[in-house]
């Protein structure tokens, strides 16, 4: 496999950041003409058609019959629940604040690991989760003020929980299917579930102004389809731990886009809360990296004794 140039990788990563940073802006514009459920369905109908074209050109694997229930579960959490709750919640939160709250998913991944998967969670991670939740409160406070919080805006946190559950389940199937295959089946399955919002959609499309329809078209093609394909390309050539650092740029880019395209005023409290949330998420990631390095160092003496120098070289090369 040919290794792409650093410039090419940088451009691809930048395109992913721009696509996903646009997502809350596109949702905000789409909600001016569509209901939350209708917007989610229309967005993924567009994405489904686009992904079908990509699948025809590039080819994808067929799902195993016994994997279908779990692929539907992935579609439920990754598309149906995540985007439905995201759209409902963003009716009561600005696009800039929404971009921060959506990045809180790793905090809930720790809680899911402890309460559902019965994994041991270090004091460091508990501290990061508490710090991150404090940041979430600061974002909500800075967005509309504590006295004006609409509880329905907290559905954005349900979207983050749903995304965390999706990743927890997806780990068990990532090795069975290619990223393109997984993305296609997730999008198609989620679109099928979203068809409960089909009544009235056609008339809403006809009545919606052209700018809102264009915003949804961009939302369906770029954040919902192309960004996932581009991200899969990046992960083929860059370590996950290095590539994921770029995701921390999404909220500040989204805030700048919201201020430019929507005229939103981003308060200092929202920025401060965003920094706290992203710092806590980064700290969780760093702890995982430190643990991997420590385990590798502990494994080296055993490798020297059992495998010899060549075996140690292979272990080090696989990190």
C-alpha atoms as a PDB file:
ATOM      1  CA  UNK A   1       0.000   0.000   0.000  1.00  0.00           C
ATOM      2  CA  UNK A   2       1.414   3.355  -1.081  1.00  0.00           C
ATOM      3  CA  UNK A   3       1.947   5.766   1.781  1.00  0.00           C
ATOM      4  CA  UNK A   4       0.378   9.178   1.047  1.00  0.00           C
ATOM      5  CA  UNK A   5       2.412  12.327   1.492  1.00  0.00           C
ATOM      6  CA  UNK A   6       2.080  14.303   4.754  1.00  0.00           C
ATOM      7  CA  UNK A   7       0.481  17.149   2.788  1.00  0.00           C
ATOM      8  CA  UNK A   8      -2.198  14.835   1.375  1.00  0.00           C
ATOM      9  CA  UNK A   9      -2.964  13.378   4.803  1.00  0.00           C
ATOM     10  CA  UNK A  10      -3.154  16.865   6.298  1.00  0.00           C
ATOM     11  CA  UNK A  11      -5.614  17.974   3.613  1.00  0.00           C
ATOM     12  CA  UNK A  12      -7.786  14.889   4.142  1.00  0.00           C
ATOM     13  CA  UNK A  13      -7.820  15.409   7.935  1.00  0.00           C
ATOM     14  CA  UNK A  14      -8.670  19.096   7.433  1.00  0.00           C
ATOM     15  CA  UNK A  15     -11.580  18.123   5.170  1.00  0.00           C
ATOM     16  CA  UNK A  16     -12.907  15.746   7.858  1.00  0.00           C
ATOM     17  CA  UNK A  17     -12.703  18.489  10.497  1.00  0.00           C
ATOM     18  CA  UNK A  18     -14.552  20.945   8.250  1.00  0.00           C
ATOM     19  CA  UNK A  19     -17.257  18.383   7.399  1.00  0.00           C
ATOM     20  CA  UNK A  20     -17.966  17.424  10.990  1.00  0.00           C
ATOM     21  CA  UNK A  21     -17.672  21.029  12.198  1.00  0.00           C
ATOM     22  CA  UNK A  22     -20.347  21.970   9.650  1.00  0.00           C
ATOM     23  CA  UNK A  23     -22.749  19.356  11.022  1.00  0.00           C
ATOM     24  CA  UNK A  24     -24.298  21.463  13.862  1.00  0.00           C
ATOM     25  CA  UNK A  25     -24.541  24.447  11.498  1.00  0.00           C
ATOM     26  CA  UNK A  26     -26.353  22.361   8.867  1.00  0.00           C
ATOM     27  CA  UNK A  27     -28.666  20.925  11.531  1.00  0.00           C
ATOM     28  CA  UNK A  28     -29.479  24.422  12.813  1.00  0.00           C
ATOM     29  CA  UNK A  29     -30.363  25.606   9.305  1.00  0.00           C
ATOM     30  CA  UNK A  30     -32.345  22.468   8.507  1.00  0.00           C
ATOM     31  CA  UNK A  31     -34.433  22.795  11.670  1.00  0.00           C
ATOM     32  CA  UNK A  32     -35.799  26.099  10.340  1.00  0.00           C
ATOM     33  CA  UNK A  33     -37.912  24.137   7.826  1.00  0.00           C
ATOM     34  CA  UNK A  34     -37.995  20.540   9.063  1.00  0.00           C
ATOM     35  CA  UNK A  35     -38.943  18.735  12.240  1.00  0.00           C
ATOM     36  CA  UNK A  36     -36.091  16.951  14.043  1.00  0.00           C
ATOM     37  CA  UNK A  37     -37.187  13.492  12.857  1.00  0.00           C
ATOM     38  CA  UNK A  38     -37.805  14.658   9.298  1.00  0.00           C
ATOM     39  CA  UNK A  39     -34.394  16.308   9.149  1.00  0.00           C
ATOM     40  CA  UNK A  40     -32.650  13.145  10.340  1.00  0.00           C
ATOM     41  CA  UNK A  41     -34.492  11.039   7.750  1.00  0.00           C
ATOM     42  CA  UNK A  42     -33.857  13.408   4.843  1.00  0.00           C
ATOM     43  CA  UNK A  43     -30.191  13.719   5.790  1.00  0.00           C
ATOM     44  CA  UNK A  44     -29.685   9.965   5.784  1.00  0.00           C
ATOM     45  CA  UNK A  45     -31.800   9.321   2.688  1.00  0.00           C
ATOM     46  CA  UNK A  46     -29.290  11.527   0.874  1.00  0.00           C
ATOM     47  CA  UNK A  47     -26.378   9.770   2.598  1.00  0.00           C
ATOM     48  CA  UNK A  48     -27.839   6.326   1.746  1.00  0.00           C
ATOM     49  CA  UNK A  49     -28.098   7.130  -1.953  1.00  0.00           C
ATOM     50  CA  UNK A  50     -24.567   8.515  -1.971  1.00  0.00           C
ATOM     51  CA  UNK A  51     -23.168   5.497  -0.099  1.00  0.00           C
ATOM     52  CA  UNK A  52     -24.980   3.140  -2.494  1.00  0.00           C
ATOM     53  CA  UNK A  53     -23.141   4.766  -5.386  1.00  0.00           C
ATOM     54  CA  UNK A  54     -19.817   4.429  -3.581  1.00  0.00           C
ATOM     55  CA  UNK A  55     -20.564   0.781  -2.744  1.00  0.00           C
ATOM     56  CA  UNK A  56     -21.329  -0.006  -6.395  1.00  0.00           C
ATOM     57  CA  UNK A  57     -18.023   1.510  -7.509  1.00  0.00           C
ATOM     58  CA  UNK A  58     -15.734   0.206  -4.746  1.00  0.00           C
ATOM     59  CA  UNK A  59     -17.585  -2.940  -3.694  1.00  0.00           C
ATOM     60  CA  UNK A  60     -18.493  -4.050  -0.167  1.00  0.00           C
ATOM     61  CA  UNK A  61     -18.789  -7.376   1.626  1.00  0.00           C
ATOM     62  CA  UNK A  62     -22.082  -9.094   2.372  1.00  0.00           C
ATOM     63  CA  UNK A  63     -23.178  -9.196   6.019  1.00  0.00           C
ATOM     64  CA  UNK A  64     -23.270 -12.567   7.743  1.00  0.00           C
ATOM     65  CA  UNK A  65     -26.796 -13.629   8.646  1.00  0.00           C
ATOM     66  CA  UNK A  66     -25.972 -14.000  12.344  1.00  0.00           C
ATOM     67  CA  UNK A  67     -24.459 -10.494  12.413  1.00  0.00           C
ATOM     68  CA  UNK A  68     -27.626  -8.770  11.169  1.00  0.00           C
ATOM     69  CA  UNK A  69     -29.192  -8.228  14.644  1.00  0.00           C
ATOM     70  CA  UNK A  70     -26.024  -6.553  15.923  1.00  0.00           C
ATOM     71  CA  UNK A  71     -25.634  -4.463  12.774  1.00  0.00           C
ATOM     72  CA  UNK A  72     -29.176  -3.215  13.390  1.00  0.00           C
ATOM     73  CA  UNK A  73     -28.237  -2.419  16.998  1.00  0.00           C
ATOM     74  CA  UNK A  74     -25.267  -0.433  15.680  1.00  0.00           C
ATOM     75  CA  UNK A  75     -27.591   1.412  13.287  1.00  0.00           C
ATOM     76  CA  UNK A  76     -29.972   2.193  16.141  1.00  0.00           C
ATOM     77  CA  UNK A  77     -27.336   3.775  18.377  1.00  0.00           C
ATOM     78  CA  UNK A  78     -25.069   5.235  15.683  1.00  0.00           C
ATOM     79  CA  UNK A  79     -27.761   6.765  13.468  1.00  0.00           C
ATOM     80  CA  UNK A  80     -31.347   6.564  14.743  1.00  0.00           C
ATOM     81  CA  UNK A  81     -30.991   7.456  18.436  1.00  0.00           C
ATOM     82  CA  UNK A  82     -27.887   9.607  18.082  1.00  0.00           C
ATOM     83  CA  UNK A  83     -29.173  11.881  15.330  1.00  0.00           C
ATOM     84  CA  UNK A  84     -32.780  11.992  16.529  1.00  0.00           C
ATOM     85  CA  UNK A  85     -31.771  13.140  20.021  1.00  0.00           C
ATOM     86  CA  UNK A  86     -29.120  15.452  18.513  1.00  0.00           C
ATOM     87  CA  UNK A  87     -31.701  17.212  16.336  1.00  0.00           C
ATOM     88  CA  UNK A  88     -34.277  17.504  19.116  1.00  0.00           C
ATOM     89  CA  UNK A  89     -31.686  18.818  21.554  1.00  0.00           C
ATOM     90  CA  UNK A  90     -30.207  21.367  19.188  1.00  0.00           C
ATOM     91  CA  UNK A  91     -33.551  23.153  18.967  1.00  0.00           C
ATOM     92  CA  UNK A  92     -32.760  24.542  22.420  1.00  0.00           C
ATOM     93  CA  UNK A  93     -28.965  24.948  22.241  1.00  0.00           C
ATOM     94  CA  UNK A  94     -26.791  27.026  19.928  1.00  0.00           C
ATOM     95  CA  UNK A  95     -24.739  25.300  17.233  1.00  0.00           C
ATOM     96  CA  UNK A  96     -21.474  26.293  18.948  1.00  0.00           C
ATOM     97  CA  UNK A  97     -22.488  24.788  22.294  1.00  0.00           C
ATOM     98  CA  UNK A  98     -23.843  21.708  20.520  1.00  0.00           C
ATOM     99  CA  UNK A  99     -20.446  21.035  18.930  1.00  0.00           C
ATOM    100  CA  UNK A 100     -18.837  20.959  22.400  1.00  0.00           C
ATOM    101  CA  UNK A 101     -21.475  18.763  24.024  1.00  0.00           C
ATOM    102  CA  UNK A 102     -21.265  16.278  21.147  1.00  0.00           C
ATOM    103  CA  UNK A 103     -17.543  15.789  21.885  1.00  0.00           C
ATOM    104  CA  UNK A 104     -18.303  14.617  25.435  1.00  0.00           C
ATOM    105  CA  UNK A 105     -18.928  11.018  24.274  1.00  0.00           C
ATOM    106  CA  UNK A 106     -15.600   9.657  25.689  1.00  0.00           C
ATOM    107  CA  UNK A 107     -16.703  10.754  29.174  1.00  0.00           C
ATOM    108  CA  UNK A 108     -19.762   8.535  28.927  1.00  0.00           C
ATOM    109  CA  UNK A 109     -17.666   5.710  27.467  1.00  0.00           C
ATOM    110  CA  UNK A 110     -15.883   5.531  30.845  1.00  0.00           C
ATOM    111  CA  UNK A 111     -19.219   5.340  32.684  1.00  0.00           C
ATOM    112  CA  UNK A 112     -20.471   2.632  30.311  1.00  0.00           C
ATOM    113  CA  UNK A 113     -17.246   0.658  30.792  1.00  0.00           C
ATOM    114  CA  UNK A 114     -17.693   0.766  34.577  1.00  0.00           C
ATOM    115  CA  UNK A 115     -21.437   0.214  34.986  1.00  0.00           C
ATOM    116  CA  UNK A 116     -22.227  -1.985  31.958  1.00  0.00           C
ATOM    117  CA  UNK A 117     -18.993  -3.788  31.067  1.00  0.00           C
ATOM    118  CA  UNK A 118     -17.799  -4.062  34.705  1.00  0.00           C
ATOM    119  CA  UNK A 119     -14.331  -2.779  33.798  1.00  0.00           C
ATOM    120  CA  UNK A 120     -12.018  -1.286  36.391  1.00  0.00           C
ATOM    121  CA  UNK A 121     -11.768   2.483  36.102  1.00  0.00           C
ATOM    122  CA  UNK A 122      -8.768   4.288  37.546  1.00  0.00           C
ATOM    123  CA  UNK A 123      -8.968   7.303  39.837  1.00  0.00           C
ATOM    124  CA  UNK A 124      -7.443   9.347  37.016  1.00  0.00           C
ATOM    125  CA  UNK A 125     -10.343   8.506  34.698  1.00  0.00           C
ATOM    126  CA  UNK A 126     -12.951   9.219  37.373  1.00  0.00           C
ATOM    127  CA  UNK A 127     -11.310  12.618  37.906  1.00  0.00           C
ATOM    128  CA  UNK A 128     -11.413  13.279  34.140  1.00  0.00           C
ATOM    129  CA  UNK A 129     -15.100  12.353  33.973  1.00  0.00           C
ATOM    130  CA  UNK A 130     -15.995  14.679  36.869  1.00  0.00           C
ATOM    131  CA  UNK A 131     -13.947  17.486  35.312  1.00  0.00           C
ATOM    132  CA  UNK A 132     -15.603  16.903  31.941  1.00  0.00           C
ATOM    133  CA  UNK A 133     -19.103  16.942  33.419  1.00  0.00           C
ATOM    134  CA  UNK A 134     -18.212  20.204  35.154  1.00  0.00           C
ATOM    135  CA  UNK A 135     -17.214  21.543  31.739  1.00  0.00           C
ATOM    136  CA  UNK A 136     -20.582  20.435  30.351  1.00  0.00           C
ATOM    137  CA  UNK A 137     -22.348  22.435  33.078  1.00  0.00           C
ATOM    138  CA  UNK A 138     -20.197  25.483  32.265  1.00  0.00           C
ATOM    139  CA  UNK A 139     -21.142  25.199  28.573  1.00  0.00           C
ATOM    140  CA  UNK A 140     -24.847  24.985  29.417  1.00  0.00           C
ATOM    141  CA  UNK A 141     -24.524  27.894  31.846  1.00  0.00           C
ATOM    142  CA  UNK A 142     -22.715  30.029  29.270  1.00  0.00           C
ATOM    143  CA  UNK A 143     -25.133  29.199  26.457  1.00  0.00           C
ATOM    144  CA  UNK A 144     -28.428  30.367  27.967  1.00  0.00           C
ATOM    145  CA  UNK A 145     -27.753  30.829  31.662  1.00  0.00           C
ATOM    146  CA  UNK A 146     -28.641  28.424  34.467  1.00  0.00           C
ATOM    147  CA  UNK A 147     -32.063  29.972  34.989  1.00  0.00           C
ATOM    148  CA  UNK A 148     -32.997  29.615  31.321  1.00  0.00           C
ATOM    149  CA  UNK A 149     -31.884  26.018  30.736  1.00  0.00           C
ATOM    150  CA  UNK A 150     -34.439  24.024  28.767  1.00  0.00           C
ATOM    151  CA  UNK A 151     -34.221  20.374  29.896  1.00  0.00           C
ATOM    152  CA  UNK A 152     -34.866  19.282  26.316  1.00  0.00           C
ATOM    153  CA  UNK A 153     -31.459  20.684  25.384  1.00  0.00           C
ATOM    154  CA  UNK A 154     -29.929  17.933  27.528  1.00  0.00           C
ATOM    155  CA  UNK A 155     -30.962  15.475  24.822  1.00  0.00           C
ATOM    156  CA  UNK A 156     -27.580  16.363  23.324  1.00  0.00           C
ATOM    157  CA  UNK A 157     -26.038  14.391  26.176  1.00  0.00           C
ATOM    158  CA  UNK A 158     -28.254  11.431  25.246  1.00  0.00           C
ATOM    159  CA  UNK A 159     -26.773  11.742  21.747  1.00  0.00           C
ATOM    160  CA  UNK A 160     -23.276  11.528  23.278  1.00  0.00           C
ATOM    161  CA  UNK A 161     -24.277   8.473  25.346  1.00  0.00           C
ATOM    162  CA  UNK A 162     -25.713   6.837  22.220  1.00  0.00           C
ATOM    163  CA  UNK A 163     -22.468   7.477  20.331  1.00  0.00           C
ATOM    164  CA  UNK A 164     -20.487   5.926  23.186  1.00  0.00           C
ATOM    165  CA  UNK A 165     -22.670   2.800  23.105  1.00  0.00           C
ATOM    166  CA  UNK A 166     -22.193   2.605  19.342  1.00  0.00           C
ATOM    167  CA  UNK A 167     -18.404   2.587  19.687  1.00  0.00           C
ATOM    168  CA  UNK A 168     -18.504   0.065  22.546  1.00  0.00           C
ATOM    169  CA  UNK A 169     -20.490  -2.377  20.383  1.00  0.00           C
ATOM    170  CA  UNK A 170     -18.651  -1.556  17.162  1.00  0.00           C
ATOM    171  CA  UNK A 171     -15.350  -2.763  18.641  1.00  0.00           C
ATOM    172  CA  UNK A 172     -16.607  -6.355  18.470  1.00  0.00           C
ATOM    173  CA  UNK A 173     -17.352  -6.137  14.742  1.00  0.00           C
ATOM    174  CA  UNK A 174     -14.653  -3.819  13.407  1.00  0.00           C
ATOM    175  CA  UNK A 175     -12.370  -6.775  12.554  1.00  0.00           C
ATOM    176  CA  UNK A 176     -15.097  -8.624  10.610  1.00  0.00           C
ATOM    177  CA  UNK A 177     -15.922  -5.905   8.088  1.00  0.00           C
ATOM    178  CA  UNK A 178     -14.057  -3.131   6.301  1.00  0.00           C
ATOM    179  CA  UNK A 179     -14.722   0.471   7.412  1.00  0.00           C
ATOM    180  CA  UNK A 180     -16.630   1.125   4.170  1.00  0.00           C
ATOM    181  CA  UNK A 181     -18.789  -1.967   4.635  1.00  0.00           C
ATOM    182  CA  UNK A 182     -19.566  -1.049   8.256  1.00  0.00           C
ATOM    183  CA  UNK A 183     -20.384   2.545   7.316  1.00  0.00           C
ATOM    184  CA  UNK A 184     -22.734   1.462   4.505  1.00  0.00           C
ATOM    185  CA  UNK A 185     -24.722  -0.998   6.595  1.00  0.00           C
ATOM    186  CA  UNK A 186     -24.904   1.407   9.536  1.00  0.00           C
ATOM    187  CA  UNK A 187     -26.210   4.232   7.324  1.00  0.00           C
ATOM    188  CA  UNK A 188     -28.695   2.017   5.475  1.00  0.00           C
ATOM    189  CA  UNK A 189     -29.991   0.345   8.637  1.00  0.00           C
ATOM    190  CA  UNK A 190     -30.371   3.671  10.433  1.00  0.00           C
ATOM    191  CA  UNK A 191     -32.154   5.206   7.438  1.00  0.00           C
ATOM    192  CA  UNK A 192     -34.630   2.304   7.440  1.00  0.00           C
ATOM    193  CA  UNK A 193     -35.416   2.965  11.118  1.00  0.00           C
ATOM    194  CA  UNK A 194     -35.774   6.705  10.508  1.00  0.00           C
ATOM    195  CA  UNK A 195     -38.521   6.003   7.953  1.00  0.00           C
ATOM    196  CA  UNK A 196     -41.009   6.304  10.856  1.00  0.00           C
ATOM    197  CA  UNK A 197     -40.668  10.041  10.110  1.00  0.00           C
ATOM    198  CA  UNK A 198     -41.631   9.631   6.440  1.00  0.00           C
ATOM    199  CA  UNK A 199     -45.245  11.007   6.654  1.00  0.00           C
ATOM    200  CA  UNK A 200     -45.241  14.639   5.531  1.00  0.00           C
ATOM    201  CA  UNK A 201     -41.599  14.680   4.426  1.00  0.00           C
ATOM    202  CA  UNK A 202     -42.288  15.180   0.711  1.00  0.00           C
ATOM    203  CA  UNK A 203     -44.502  18.225   1.322  1.00  0.00           C
ATOM    204  CA  UNK A 204     -41.904  19.640   3.742  1.00  0.00           C
ATOM    205  CA  UNK A 205     -39.220  19.343   1.032  1.00  0.00           C
ATOM    206  CA  UNK A 206     -41.427  21.195  -1.464  1.00  0.00           C
ATOM    207  CA  UNK A 207     -42.246  23.983   1.001  1.00  0.00           C
ATOM    208  CA  UNK A 208     -38.703  24.466   2.362  1.00  0.00           C
ATOM    209  CA  UNK A 209     -36.708  27.404   0.953  1.00  0.00           C
ATOM    210  CA  UNK A 210     -33.748  26.628  -1.295  1.00  0.00           C
ATOM    211  CA  UNK A 211     -31.043  27.630   1.281  1.00  0.00           C
ATOM    212  CA  UNK A 212     -32.422  25.164   3.852  1.00  0.00           C
ATOM    213  CA  UNK A 213     -32.638  22.352   1.275  1.00  0.00           C
ATOM    214  CA  UNK A 214     -29.073  23.047   0.144  1.00  0.00           C
ATOM    215  CA  UNK A 215     -27.926  22.979   3.772  1.00  0.00           C
ATOM    216  CA  UNK A 216     -29.514  19.540   4.238  1.00  0.00           C
ATOM    217  CA  UNK A 217     -28.032  18.305   0.935  1.00  0.00           C
ATOM    218  CA  UNK A 218     -24.556  19.310   2.114  1.00  0.00           C
ATOM    219  CA  UNK A 219     -25.332  17.711   5.501  1.00  0.00           C
ATOM    220  CA  UNK A 220     -26.255  14.409   3.867  1.00  0.00           C
ATOM    221  CA  UNK A 221     -23.266  14.189   1.525  1.00  0.00           C
ATOM    222  CA  UNK A 222     -20.353  15.623   3.473  1.00  0.00           C
ATOM    223  CA  UNK A 223     -20.676  15.002   7.272  1.00  0.00           C
ATOM    224  CA  UNK A 224     -22.854  11.890   6.870  1.00  0.00           C
ATOM    225  CA  UNK A 225     -20.990  10.122   4.044  1.00  0.00           C
ATOM    226  CA  UNK A 226     -17.753  11.607   2.694  1.00  0.00           C
ATOM    227  CA  UNK A 227     -16.334  12.412   6.133  1.00  0.00           C
ATOM    228  CA  UNK A 228     -16.654   8.771   7.255  1.00  0.00           C
ATOM    229  CA  UNK A 229     -14.928   7.550   4.085  1.00  0.00           C
ATOM    230  CA  UNK A 230     -12.157  10.127   4.464  1.00  0.00           C
ATOM    231  CA  UNK A 231     -11.714   9.244   8.147  1.00  0.00           C
ATOM    232  CA  UNK A 232     -11.401   5.568   7.256  1.00  0.00           C
ATOM    233  CA  UNK A 233      -8.673   6.514   4.773  1.00  0.00           C
ATOM    234  CA  UNK A 234      -6.822   8.487   7.461  1.00  0.00           C
ATOM    235  CA  UNK A 235      -6.968   5.593   9.949  1.00  0.00           C
ATOM    236  CA  UNK A 236      -5.391   3.292   7.360  1.00  0.00           C
ATOM    237  CA  UNK A 237      -2.261   5.439   7.321  1.00  0.00           C
ATOM    238  CA  UNK A 238      -2.126   7.105  10.766  1.00  0.00           C
ATOM    239  CA  UNK A 239      -2.303   5.656  14.276  1.00  0.00           C
ATOM    240  CA  UNK A 240      -5.690   6.121  15.916  1.00  0.00           C
ATOM    241  CA  UNK A 241      -4.153   7.913  18.912  1.00  0.00           C
ATOM    242  CA  UNK A 242      -2.464  10.453  16.630  1.00  0.00           C
ATOM    243  CA  UNK A 243      -5.405  10.909  14.281  1.00  0.00           C
ATOM    244  CA  UNK A 244      -7.916  11.392  17.111  1.00  0.00           C
ATOM    245  CA  UNK A 245      -6.043  14.498  18.284  1.00  0.00           C
ATOM    246  CA  UNK A 246      -7.440  16.279  15.225  1.00  0.00           C
ATOM    247  CA  UNK A 247     -10.977  15.738  16.538  1.00  0.00           C
ATOM    248  CA  UNK A 248     -10.293  18.277  19.298  1.00  0.00           C
ATOM    249  CA  UNK A 249     -10.257  20.957  16.593  1.00  0.00           C
ATOM    250  CA  UNK A 250     -13.889  20.328  15.627  1.00  0.00           C
ATOM    251  CA  UNK A 251     -15.564  22.463  18.373  1.00  0.00           C
ATOM    252  CA  UNK A 252     -13.449  25.613  17.841  1.00  0.00           C
ATOM    253  CA  UNK A 253     -13.873  25.336  14.063  1.00  0.00           C
ATOM    254  CA  UNK A 254     -17.621  24.791  14.525  1.00  0.00           C
ATOM    255  CA  UNK A 255     -17.810  27.852  16.783  1.00  0.00           C
ATOM    256  CA  UNK A 256     -16.098  30.015  14.161  1.00  0.00           C
ATOM    257  CA  UNK A 257     -18.410  28.665  11.454  1.00  0.00           C
ATOM    258  CA  UNK A 258     -21.479  29.293  13.640  1.00  0.00           C
ATOM    259  CA  UNK A 259     -20.353  32.858  14.311  1.00  0.00           C
ATOM    260  CA  UNK A 260     -19.685  33.465  10.588  1.00  0.00           C
ATOM    261  CA  UNK A 261     -22.612  31.647   8.941  1.00  0.00           C
ATOM    262  CA  UNK A 262     -25.292  31.939  11.634  1.00  0.00           C
ATOM    263  CA  UNK A 263     -24.202  35.126  13.408  1.00  0.00           C
ATOM    264  CA  UNK A 264     -24.083  33.337  16.778  1.00  0.00           C
ATOM    265  CA  UNK A 265     -22.428  35.092  19.691  1.00  0.00           C
ATOM    266  CA  UNK A 266     -20.080  32.658  21.412  1.00  0.00           C
ATOM    267  CA  UNK A 267     -19.806  33.596  25.104  1.00  0.00           C
ATOM    268  CA  UNK A 268     -16.620  33.322  27.131  1.00  0.00           C
ATOM    269  CA  UNK A 269     -18.290  30.741  29.404  1.00  0.00           C
ATOM    270  CA  UNK A 270     -19.024  28.441  26.444  1.00  0.00           C
ATOM    271  CA  UNK A 271     -15.394  28.707  25.322  1.00  0.00           C
ATOM    272  CA  UNK A 272     -14.170  27.997  28.872  1.00  0.00           C
ATOM    273  CA  UNK A 273     -16.513  25.023  29.216  1.00  0.00           C
ATOM    274  CA  UNK A 274     -15.356  23.732  25.838  1.00  0.00           C
ATOM    275  CA  UNK A 275     -11.724  23.899  26.934  1.00  0.00           C
ATOM    276  CA  UNK A 276     -12.560  21.980  30.135  1.00  0.00           C
ATOM    277  CA  UNK A 277     -14.491  19.261  28.259  1.00  0.00           C
ATOM    278  CA  UNK A 278     -11.801  18.801  25.596  1.00  0.00           C
ATOM    279  CA  UNK A 279      -9.007  18.810  28.187  1.00  0.00           C
ATOM    280  CA  UNK A 280     -10.737  16.062  30.172  1.00  0.00           C
ATOM    281  CA  UNK A 281     -11.297  13.986  27.030  1.00  0.00           C
ATOM    282  CA  UNK A 282      -7.650  14.445  26.025  1.00  0.00           C
ATOM    283  CA  UNK A 283      -6.542  13.415  29.521  1.00  0.00           C
ATOM    284  CA  UNK A 284      -8.525  10.172  29.246  1.00  0.00           C
ATOM    285  CA  UNK A 285      -6.835   9.458  25.917  1.00  0.00           C
ATOM    286  CA  UNK A 286      -3.387  10.179  27.362  1.00  0.00           C
ATOM    287  CA  UNK A 287      -3.953   7.800  30.262  1.00  0.00           C
ATOM    288  CA  UNK A 288      -4.719   5.004  27.800  1.00  0.00           C
ATOM    289  CA  UNK A 289      -1.521   5.751  25.907  1.00  0.00           C
ATOM    290  CA  UNK A 290       0.581   5.802  29.101  1.00  0.00           C
ATOM    291  CA  UNK A 291      -0.909   2.460  30.131  1.00  0.00           C
ATOM    292  CA  UNK A 292      -0.036   0.902  26.742  1.00  0.00           C
ATOM    293  CA  UNK A 293       3.551   2.122  26.989  1.00  0.00           C
ATOM    294  CA  UNK A 294       3.873   0.795  30.556  1.00  0.00           C
ATOM    295  CA  UNK A 295       2.497  -2.615  29.560  1.00  0.00           C
ATOM    296  CA  UNK A 296       4.891  -2.781  26.618  1.00  0.00           C
ATOM    297  CA  UNK A 297       7.854  -2.002  28.886  1.00  0.00           C
ATOM    298  CA  UNK A 298       6.812  -4.697  31.356  1.00  0.00           C
ATOM    299  CA  UNK A 299       6.478  -7.200  28.519  1.00  0.00           C
ATOM    300  CA  UNK A 300       9.982  -6.557  27.139  1.00  0.00           C
ATOM    301  CA  UNK A 301      12.005  -8.591  29.708  1.00  0.00           C
ATOM    302  CA  UNK A 302       9.732 -11.603  29.143  1.00  0.00           C
ATOM    303  CA  UNK A 303      10.074 -11.178  25.400  1.00  0.00           C
ATOM    304  CA  UNK A 304      13.867 -11.110  25.654  1.00  0.00           C
ATOM    305  CA  UNK A 305      13.904 -14.353  27.590  1.00  0.00           C
ATOM    306  CA  UNK A 306      11.341 -16.269  25.534  1.00  0.00           C
ATOM    307  CA  UNK A 307      11.602 -14.842  22.015  1.00  0.00           C
ATOM    308  CA  UNK A 308      15.049 -13.354  21.807  1.00  0.00           C
ATOM    309  CA  UNK A 309      16.056 -10.058  20.240  1.00  0.00           C
ATOM    310  CA  UNK A 310      14.100 -10.592  17.010  1.00  0.00           C
ATOM    311  CA  UNK A 311      10.878 -11.226  18.962  1.00  0.00           C
ATOM    312  CA  UNK A 312      11.329  -7.994  20.911  1.00  0.00           C
ATOM    313  CA  UNK A 313      11.780  -6.096  17.663  1.00  0.00           C
ATOM    314  CA  UNK A 314       8.508  -7.529  16.356  1.00  0.00           C
ATOM    315  CA  UNK A 315       6.605  -6.525  19.525  1.00  0.00           C
ATOM    316  CA  UNK A 316       8.037  -3.022  19.428  1.00  0.00           C
ATOM    317  CA  UNK A 317       7.223  -2.657  15.756  1.00  0.00           C
ATOM    318  CA  UNK A 318       3.607  -3.637  16.355  1.00  0.00           C
ATOM    319  CA  UNK A 319       2.884  -0.909  18.905  1.00  0.00           C
END
